[in-house]
């Protein structure tokens, strides 16, 4: 009983630290995030370098976001238990199939080891038949780097590695395409 309480307290403390880090990062990137299905198209803002982080691909290999530099990147933060994430996934898969040679799609599953695991995220993708590339944020590096406060969140990064825009909340196909136009 005491061990369970201690684990809960430690878990809550770690969660609070992650949230504090996320708030700090959000404050740095917050001006790039807009309301759901609204994309910031103001090119007069100072360019922000996309934070780099490591993730795991479906084969267990470590990949860095900076490895994707050279082509525009659509970076989507999601989890299999998230209903709005599930709603937007078919549109991401459809657009990825069309643009996969020109745009990197980084569908980043936020793994916490309890509510979301590599196994649950991978099983969801297989069950739904999605073919876009999936990556796993097992150390919460990406979530912290981008100050993710809620999911889904999508970032649009140009081929030079700068954030062009971001959307917090589920997006539809037309919004996804508008974001991609900003980074082509």
C-alpha atoms as a PDB file:
ATOM      1  CA  UNK A   1       0.000   0.000   0.000  1.00  0.00           C
ATOM      2  CA  UNK A   2       2.801   2.397   0.932  1.00  0.00           C
ATOM      3  CA  UNK A   3       4.704   1.499  -2.249  1.00  0.00           C
ATOM      4  CA  UNK A   4       1.641   2.258  -4.356  1.00  0.00           C
ATOM      5  CA  UNK A   5       1.200   5.644  -2.659  1.00  0.00           C
ATOM      6  CA  UNK A   6       4.877   6.439  -3.085  1.00  0.00           C
ATOM      7  CA  UNK A   7       4.696   5.543  -6.777  1.00  0.00           C
ATOM      8  CA  UNK A   8       1.637   7.771  -7.159  1.00  0.00           C
ATOM      9  CA  UNK A   9       3.369  10.694  -5.434  1.00  0.00           C
ATOM     10  CA  UNK A  10       6.536  10.267  -7.493  1.00  0.00           C
ATOM     11  CA  UNK A  11       4.469   9.945 -10.666  1.00  0.00           C
ATOM     12  CA  UNK A  12       2.548  13.120  -9.835  1.00  0.00           C
ATOM     13  CA  UNK A  13       5.793  14.985  -9.120  1.00  0.00           C
ATOM     14  CA  UNK A  14       7.296  13.842 -12.432  1.00  0.00           C
ATOM     15  CA  UNK A  15       4.117  14.812 -14.241  1.00  0.00           C
ATOM     16  CA  UNK A  16       4.279  18.269 -12.629  1.00  0.00           C
ATOM     17  CA  UNK A  17       7.885  18.654 -13.813  1.00  0.00           C
ATOM     18  CA  UNK A  18       6.917  17.650 -17.351  1.00  0.00           C
ATOM     19  CA  UNK A  19       4.063  20.144 -17.310  1.00  0.00           C
ATOM     20  CA  UNK A  20       6.370  22.896 -16.033  1.00  0.00           C
ATOM     21  CA  UNK A  21       8.811  22.144 -18.858  1.00  0.00           C
ATOM     22  CA  UNK A  22       5.988  22.054 -21.363  1.00  0.00           C
ATOM     23  CA  UNK A  23       4.686  25.430 -20.210  1.00  0.00           C
ATOM     24  CA  UNK A  24       8.151  26.927 -20.579  1.00  0.00           C
ATOM     25  CA  UNK A  25       8.556  25.530 -24.086  1.00  0.00           C
ATOM     26  CA  UNK A  26       5.018  26.569 -24.982  1.00  0.00           C
ATOM     27  CA  UNK A  27       5.791  30.119 -23.949  1.00  0.00           C
ATOM     28  CA  UNK A  28       8.710  30.032 -26.368  1.00  0.00           C
ATOM     29  CA  UNK A  29       6.650  28.535 -29.203  1.00  0.00           C
ATOM     30  CA  UNK A  30       3.176  29.719 -28.182  1.00  0.00           C
ATOM     31  CA  UNK A  31       3.042  32.481 -30.754  1.00  0.00           C
ATOM     32  CA  UNK A  32       3.193  29.795 -33.444  1.00  0.00           C
ATOM     33  CA  UNK A  33       0.180  27.851 -32.152  1.00  0.00           C
ATOM     34  CA  UNK A  34      -3.280  28.832 -33.228  1.00  0.00           C
ATOM     35  CA  UNK A  35      -6.828  27.701 -32.555  1.00  0.00           C
ATOM     36  CA  UNK A  36      -7.912  24.366 -34.058  1.00  0.00           C
ATOM     37  CA  UNK A  37      -8.072  24.430 -37.846  1.00  0.00           C
ATOM     38  CA  UNK A  38      -6.554  27.917 -37.886  1.00  0.00           C
ATOM     39  CA  UNK A  39      -3.032  28.275 -39.179  1.00  0.00           C
ATOM     40  CA  UNK A  40      -0.854  31.288 -38.584  1.00  0.00           C
ATOM     41  CA  UNK A  41       0.162  32.546 -42.016  1.00  0.00           C
ATOM     42  CA  UNK A  42       1.966  35.700 -40.828  1.00  0.00           C
ATOM     43  CA  UNK A  43       5.375  35.532 -42.496  1.00  0.00           C
ATOM     44  CA  UNK A  44       6.550  38.751 -40.830  1.00  0.00           C
ATOM     45  CA  UNK A  45       7.357  36.974 -37.559  1.00  0.00           C
ATOM     46  CA  UNK A  46      10.897  36.083 -36.664  1.00  0.00           C
ATOM     47  CA  UNK A  47      11.690  32.531 -37.722  1.00  0.00           C
ATOM     48  CA  UNK A  48      12.000  29.949 -34.964  1.00  0.00           C
ATOM     49  CA  UNK A  49      14.347  27.003 -35.369  1.00  0.00           C
ATOM     50  CA  UNK A  50      12.482  23.751 -34.807  1.00  0.00           C
ATOM     51  CA  UNK A  51      13.784  22.129 -31.610  1.00  0.00           C
ATOM     52  CA  UNK A  52      15.608  18.869 -32.259  1.00  0.00           C
ATOM     53  CA  UNK A  53      14.914  15.688 -30.294  1.00  0.00           C
ATOM     54  CA  UNK A  54      15.312  11.937 -30.597  1.00  0.00           C
ATOM     55  CA  UNK A  55      12.558   9.392 -31.109  1.00  0.00           C
ATOM     56  CA  UNK A  56      12.244   5.687 -31.868  1.00  0.00           C
ATOM     57  CA  UNK A  57      10.966   4.346 -35.189  1.00  0.00           C
ATOM     58  CA  UNK A  58       8.871   1.188 -35.560  1.00  0.00           C
ATOM     59  CA  UNK A  59      12.040  -0.895 -35.932  1.00  0.00           C
ATOM     60  CA  UNK A  60      13.431   0.358 -32.609  1.00  0.00           C
ATOM     61  CA  UNK A  61      16.023   2.632 -34.211  1.00  0.00           C
ATOM     62  CA  UNK A  62      16.771   6.045 -32.736  1.00  0.00           C
ATOM     63  CA  UNK A  63      15.978   8.860 -35.167  1.00  0.00           C
ATOM     64  CA  UNK A  64      16.460  12.603 -34.684  1.00  0.00           C
ATOM     65  CA  UNK A  65      14.104  15.201 -36.073  1.00  0.00           C
ATOM     66  CA  UNK A  66      17.157  16.924 -37.568  1.00  0.00           C
ATOM     67  CA  UNK A  67      17.664  13.797 -39.700  1.00  0.00           C
ATOM     68  CA  UNK A  68      14.601  14.974 -41.643  1.00  0.00           C
ATOM     69  CA  UNK A  69      16.133  18.338 -42.586  1.00  0.00           C
ATOM     70  CA  UNK A  70      16.191  18.989 -46.321  1.00  0.00           C
ATOM     71  CA  UNK A  71      12.493  18.306 -46.881  1.00  0.00           C
ATOM     72  CA  UNK A  72       9.539  19.968 -45.179  1.00  0.00           C
ATOM     73  CA  UNK A  73       8.188  18.159 -42.109  1.00  0.00           C
ATOM     74  CA  UNK A  74       4.680  17.709 -40.782  1.00  0.00           C
ATOM     75  CA  UNK A  75       5.157  16.849 -37.098  1.00  0.00           C
ATOM     76  CA  UNK A  76       2.029  15.504 -35.420  1.00  0.00           C
ATOM     77  CA  UNK A  77       1.833  14.693 -31.699  1.00  0.00           C
ATOM     78  CA  UNK A  78      -0.793  12.046 -30.895  1.00  0.00           C
ATOM     79  CA  UNK A  79      -1.771   9.045 -28.773  1.00  0.00           C
ATOM     80  CA  UNK A  80      -4.023   6.074 -29.542  1.00  0.00           C
ATOM     81  CA  UNK A  81      -6.378   6.818 -26.613  1.00  0.00           C
ATOM     82  CA  UNK A  82      -7.035  10.393 -27.852  1.00  0.00           C
ATOM     83  CA  UNK A  83     -10.404  10.717 -29.684  1.00  0.00           C
ATOM     84  CA  UNK A  84      -9.499  13.931 -31.603  1.00  0.00           C
ATOM     85  CA  UNK A  85      -6.230  12.273 -32.690  1.00  0.00           C
ATOM     86  CA  UNK A  86      -8.196   9.341 -34.054  1.00  0.00           C
ATOM     87  CA  UNK A  87     -10.496  11.678 -35.990  1.00  0.00           C
ATOM     88  CA  UNK A  88      -7.674  13.368 -37.900  1.00  0.00           C
ATOM     89  CA  UNK A  89      -5.583  10.259 -38.646  1.00  0.00           C
ATOM     90  CA  UNK A  90      -7.393   9.222 -41.864  1.00  0.00           C
ATOM     91  CA  UNK A  91      -6.743  12.683 -43.372  1.00  0.00           C
ATOM     92  CA  UNK A  92      -3.054  12.476 -42.443  1.00  0.00           C
ATOM     93  CA  UNK A  93      -2.802   9.040 -44.026  1.00  0.00           C
ATOM     94  CA  UNK A  94      -4.549  10.190 -47.212  1.00  0.00           C
ATOM     95  CA  UNK A  95      -2.330  13.259 -47.630  1.00  0.00           C
ATOM     96  CA  UNK A  96       0.826  11.311 -46.728  1.00  0.00           C
ATOM     97  CA  UNK A  97       0.091   8.761 -49.474  1.00  0.00           C
ATOM     98  CA  UNK A  98      -0.140  11.611 -51.956  1.00  0.00           C
ATOM     99  CA  UNK A  99       2.866  13.685 -50.787  1.00  0.00           C
ATOM    100  CA  UNK A 100       5.220  11.163 -49.159  1.00  0.00           C
ATOM    101  CA  UNK A 101       7.972  11.794 -51.715  1.00  0.00           C
ATOM    102  CA  UNK A 102       7.981  15.557 -51.049  1.00  0.00           C
ATOM    103  CA  UNK A 103       7.149  15.894 -47.343  1.00  0.00           C
ATOM    104  CA  UNK A 104       8.361  14.054 -44.245  1.00  0.00           C
ATOM    105  CA  UNK A 105       5.471  13.078 -42.003  1.00  0.00           C
ATOM    106  CA  UNK A 106       6.551  12.465 -38.408  1.00  0.00           C
ATOM    107  CA  UNK A 107       3.557  10.979 -36.628  1.00  0.00           C
ATOM    108  CA  UNK A 108       4.911  11.072 -33.074  1.00  0.00           C
ATOM    109  CA  UNK A 109       3.126   8.877 -30.548  1.00  0.00           C
ATOM    110  CA  UNK A 110       3.548  10.320 -27.038  1.00  0.00           C
ATOM    111  CA  UNK A 111       4.462   7.290 -24.950  1.00  0.00           C
ATOM    112  CA  UNK A 112       4.152   7.578 -21.172  1.00  0.00           C
ATOM    113  CA  UNK A 113       4.432   3.865 -20.384  1.00  0.00           C
ATOM    114  CA  UNK A 114       1.028   3.686 -18.701  1.00  0.00           C
ATOM    115  CA  UNK A 115      -1.768   5.270 -20.683  1.00  0.00           C
ATOM    116  CA  UNK A 116       0.185   4.989 -23.934  1.00  0.00           C
ATOM    117  CA  UNK A 117       2.821   2.401 -24.803  1.00  0.00           C
ATOM    118  CA  UNK A 118       4.711   1.553 -27.954  1.00  0.00           C
ATOM    119  CA  UNK A 119       2.562  -1.578 -28.172  1.00  0.00           C
ATOM    120  CA  UNK A 120      -0.776   0.261 -27.863  1.00  0.00           C
ATOM    121  CA  UNK A 121       0.257   2.933 -30.364  1.00  0.00           C
ATOM    122  CA  UNK A 122       1.579   0.409 -32.895  1.00  0.00           C
ATOM    123  CA  UNK A 123      -1.475  -1.839 -32.462  1.00  0.00           C
ATOM    124  CA  UNK A 124      -3.805   1.089 -33.183  1.00  0.00           C
ATOM    125  CA  UNK A 125      -1.940   2.010 -36.391  1.00  0.00           C
ATOM    126  CA  UNK A 126      -1.993  -1.611 -37.593  1.00  0.00           C
ATOM    127  CA  UNK A 127      -5.676  -2.079 -36.688  1.00  0.00           C
ATOM    128  CA  UNK A 128      -6.663   1.046 -38.637  1.00  0.00           C
ATOM    129  CA  UNK A 129      -4.411   0.204 -41.584  1.00  0.00           C
ATOM    130  CA  UNK A 130      -2.541   3.512 -41.634  1.00  0.00           C
ATOM    131  CA  UNK A 131       0.625   3.537 -43.709  1.00  0.00           C
ATOM    132  CA  UNK A 132       2.298   6.814 -42.684  1.00  0.00           C
ATOM    133  CA  UNK A 133       5.553   6.550 -40.712  1.00  0.00           C
ATOM    134  CA  UNK A 134       5.086   6.322 -36.951  1.00  0.00           C
ATOM    135  CA  UNK A 135       7.622   7.293 -34.326  1.00  0.00           C
ATOM    136  CA  UNK A 136       7.531   6.979 -30.538  1.00  0.00           C
ATOM    137  CA  UNK A 137       8.479   9.673 -28.033  1.00  0.00           C
ATOM    138  CA  UNK A 138       9.509   7.260 -25.284  1.00  0.00           C
ATOM    139  CA  UNK A 139      11.468   9.808 -23.245  1.00  0.00           C
ATOM    140  CA  UNK A 140       9.001  12.665 -23.838  1.00  0.00           C
ATOM    141  CA  UNK A 141      11.778  14.669 -25.531  1.00  0.00           C
ATOM    142  CA  UNK A 142       9.579  15.878 -28.374  1.00  0.00           C
ATOM    143  CA  UNK A 143       6.636  16.712 -26.145  1.00  0.00           C
ATOM    144  CA  UNK A 144       8.871  18.755 -23.846  1.00  0.00           C
ATOM    145  CA  UNK A 145      10.795  20.427 -26.677  1.00  0.00           C
ATOM    146  CA  UNK A 146       7.571  21.649 -28.277  1.00  0.00           C
ATOM    147  CA  UNK A 147       5.711  22.391 -25.048  1.00  0.00           C
ATOM    148  CA  UNK A 148       2.847  20.100 -25.916  1.00  0.00           C
ATOM    149  CA  UNK A 149      -0.042  20.882 -23.578  1.00  0.00           C
ATOM    150  CA  UNK A 150      -2.724  18.966 -25.405  1.00  0.00           C
ATOM    151  CA  UNK A 151      -2.995  16.547 -28.274  1.00  0.00           C
ATOM    152  CA  UNK A 152      -3.272  16.416 -31.116  1.00  0.00           C
ATOM    153  CA  UNK A 153      -0.880  19.210 -32.008  1.00  0.00           C
ATOM    154  CA  UNK A 154       0.637  19.603 -35.461  1.00  0.00           C
ATOM    155  CA  UNK A 155       3.723  21.610 -36.365  1.00  0.00           C
ATOM    156  CA  UNK A 156       4.689  22.584 -39.915  1.00  0.00           C
ATOM    157  CA  UNK A 157       8.464  22.819 -40.365  1.00  0.00           C
ATOM    158  CA  UNK A 158      10.126  24.057 -43.548  1.00  0.00           C
ATOM    159  CA  UNK A 159      12.997  22.296 -45.324  1.00  0.00           C
ATOM    160  CA  UNK A 160      15.544  24.512 -43.537  1.00  0.00           C
ATOM    161  CA  UNK A 161      14.280  23.374 -40.133  1.00  0.00           C
ATOM    162  CA  UNK A 162      12.218  26.440 -39.170  1.00  0.00           C
ATOM    163  CA  UNK A 163       8.704  26.331 -37.759  1.00  0.00           C
ATOM    164  CA  UNK A 164       6.293  27.906 -40.218  1.00  0.00           C
ATOM    165  CA  UNK A 165       3.084  27.292 -38.264  1.00  0.00           C
ATOM    166  CA  UNK A 166       1.348  25.086 -35.761  1.00  0.00           C
ATOM    167  CA  UNK A 167      -2.147  23.999 -34.841  1.00  0.00           C
ATOM    168  CA  UNK A 168      -3.332  22.794 -31.466  1.00  0.00           C
ATOM    169  CA  UNK A 169      -6.297  20.442 -31.728  1.00  0.00           C
ATOM    170  CA  UNK A 170      -7.583  18.123 -34.417  1.00  0.00           C
ATOM    171  CA  UNK A 171      -7.333  19.341 -37.990  1.00  0.00           C
ATOM    172  CA  UNK A 172      -9.103  18.346 -41.163  1.00  0.00           C
ATOM    173  CA  UNK A 173      -7.651  17.651 -44.594  1.00  0.00           C
ATOM    174  CA  UNK A 174      -8.011  21.212 -45.878  1.00  0.00           C
ATOM    175  CA  UNK A 175      -6.207  22.652 -42.845  1.00  0.00           C
ATOM    176  CA  UNK A 176      -3.460  20.050 -43.213  1.00  0.00           C
ATOM    177  CA  UNK A 177      -3.042  21.035 -46.865  1.00  0.00           C
ATOM    178  CA  UNK A 178      -2.955  24.759 -45.983  1.00  0.00           C
ATOM    179  CA  UNK A 179      -0.186  24.072 -43.477  1.00  0.00           C
ATOM    180  CA  UNK A 180       1.751  22.079 -46.043  1.00  0.00           C
ATOM    181  CA  UNK A 181       1.471  24.944 -48.543  1.00  0.00           C
ATOM    182  CA  UNK A 182       3.302  27.132 -46.009  1.00  0.00           C
ATOM    183  CA  UNK A 183       6.309  24.791 -45.988  1.00  0.00           C
ATOM    184  CA  UNK A 184       6.559  23.696 -49.614  1.00  0.00           C
END
